[in-house]
């Protein structure tokens, strides 16, 4: 997972939000 990519930011945010 590349957090450098802007398109991955929202995806990672959703992923983390789903875990929390």
PDB file of N, CA and C in Angstrom:
ATOM      1  N   UNK A   1       0.850  -1.202   0.000  1.00  0.00           N
ATOM      2  CA  UNK A   1       0.000   0.000   0.000  1.00  0.00           C
ATOM      3  C   UNK A   1       0.881   1.246   0.000  1.00  0.00           C
ATOM      4  N   UNK A   2       0.712   2.086  -1.016  1.00  0.00           N
ATOM      5  CA  UNK A   2       1.514   3.304  -1.093  1.00  0.00           C
ATOM      6  C   UNK A   2       0.725   4.496  -0.581  1.00  0.00           C
ATOM      7  N   UNK A   3       1.090   4.997   0.587  1.00  0.00           N
ATOM      8  CA  UNK A   3       0.373   6.157   1.124  1.00  0.00           C
ATOM      9  C   UNK A   3       0.770   7.422   0.377  1.00  0.00           C
ATOM     10  N   UNK A   4       1.783   7.306  -0.474  1.00  0.00           N
ATOM     11  CA  UNK A   4       2.222   8.483  -1.234  1.00  0.00           C
ATOM     12  C   UNK A   4       1.200   8.833  -2.304  1.00  0.00           C
ATOM     13  N   UNK A   5       0.439   7.828  -2.715  1.00  0.00           N
ATOM     14  CA  UNK A   5      -0.561   8.085  -3.759  1.00  0.00           C
ATOM     15  C   UNK A   5      -1.810   8.709  -3.147  1.00  0.00           C
ATOM     16  N   UNK A   6      -2.264   9.822  -3.700  1.00  0.00           N
ATOM     17  CA  UNK A   6      -3.451  10.527  -3.190  1.00  0.00           C
ATOM     18  C   UNK A   6      -4.698   9.661  -3.281  1.00  0.00           C
ATOM     19  N   UNK A   7      -4.717   8.748  -4.251  1.00  0.00           N
ATOM     20  CA  UNK A   7      -5.899   7.896  -4.444  1.00  0.00           C
ATOM     21  C   UNK A   7      -5.945   6.814  -3.374  1.00  0.00           C
ATOM     22  N   UNK A   8      -4.800   6.567  -2.745  1.00  0.00           N
ATOM     23  CA  UNK A   8      -4.750   5.532  -1.715  1.00  0.00           C
ATOM     24  C   UNK A   8      -5.114   6.102  -0.345  1.00  0.00           C
ATOM     25  N   UNK A   9      -4.983   7.410  -0.208  1.00  0.00           N
ATOM     26  CA  UNK A   9      -5.276   8.046   1.080  1.00  0.00           C
ATOM     27  C   UNK A   9      -6.709   7.790   1.519  1.00  0.00           C
ATOM     28  N   UNK A  10      -7.702   8.106   0.702  1.00  0.00           N
ATOM     29  CA  UNK A  10      -9.103   7.863   1.069  1.00  0.00           C
ATOM     30  C   UNK A  10      -9.374   6.383   1.265  1.00  0.00           C
ATOM     31  N   UNK A  11      -8.709   5.556   0.491  1.00  0.00           N
ATOM     32  CA  UNK A  11      -8.908   4.110   0.591  1.00  0.00           C
ATOM     33  C   UNK A  11      -8.372   3.614   1.934  1.00  0.00           C
ATOM     34  N   UNK A  12      -7.207   4.079   2.299  1.00  0.00           N
ATOM     35  CA  UNK A  12      -6.601   3.670   3.571  1.00  0.00           C
ATOM     36  C   UNK A  12      -7.427   4.220   4.728  1.00  0.00           C
ATOM     37  N   UNK A  13      -7.933   5.443   4.544  1.00  0.00           N
ATOM     38  CA  UNK A  13      -8.747   6.070   5.580  1.00  0.00           C
ATOM     39  C   UNK A  13      -9.987   5.237   5.828  1.00  0.00           C
ATOM     40  N   UNK A  14     -10.598   4.761   4.753  1.00  0.00           N
ATOM     41  CA  UNK A  14     -11.804   3.936   4.864  1.00  0.00           C
ATOM     42  C   UNK A  14     -11.440   2.599   5.505  1.00  0.00           C
ATOM     43  N   UNK A  15     -10.290   2.067   5.142  1.00  0.00           N
ATOM     44  CA  UNK A  15      -9.840   0.782   5.677  1.00  0.00           C
ATOM     45  C   UNK A  15      -9.621   0.886   7.186  1.00  0.00           C
ATOM     46  N   UNK A  16      -8.915   1.939   7.581  1.00  0.00           N
ATOM     47  CA  UNK A  16      -8.644   2.153   9.006  1.00  0.00           C
ATOM     48  C   UNK A  16      -9.944   2.445   9.757  1.00  0.00           C
ATOM     49  N   UNK A  17     -10.817   3.221   9.130  1.00  0.00           N
ATOM     50  CA  UNK A  17     -12.093   3.563   9.762  1.00  0.00           C
ATOM     51  C   UNK A  17     -12.936   2.320   9.975  1.00  0.00           C
ATOM     52  N   UNK A  18     -12.813   1.365   9.057  1.00  0.00           N
ATOM     53  CA  UNK A  18     -13.608   0.144   9.169  1.00  0.00           C
ATOM     54  C   UNK A  18     -13.101  -0.737  10.298  1.00  0.00           C
ATOM     55  N   UNK A  19     -11.795  -0.681  10.543  1.00  0.00           N
ATOM     56  CA  UNK A  19     -11.216  -1.518  11.597  1.00  0.00           C
ATOM     57  C   UNK A  19     -11.539  -0.934  12.975  1.00  0.00           C
ATOM     58  N   UNK A  20     -11.396   0.371  13.093  1.00  0.00           N
ATOM     59  CA  UNK A  20     -11.643   1.031  14.382  1.00  0.00           C
ATOM     60  C   UNK A  20     -13.074   0.778  14.829  1.00  0.00           C
TER      61      UNK A  20
END
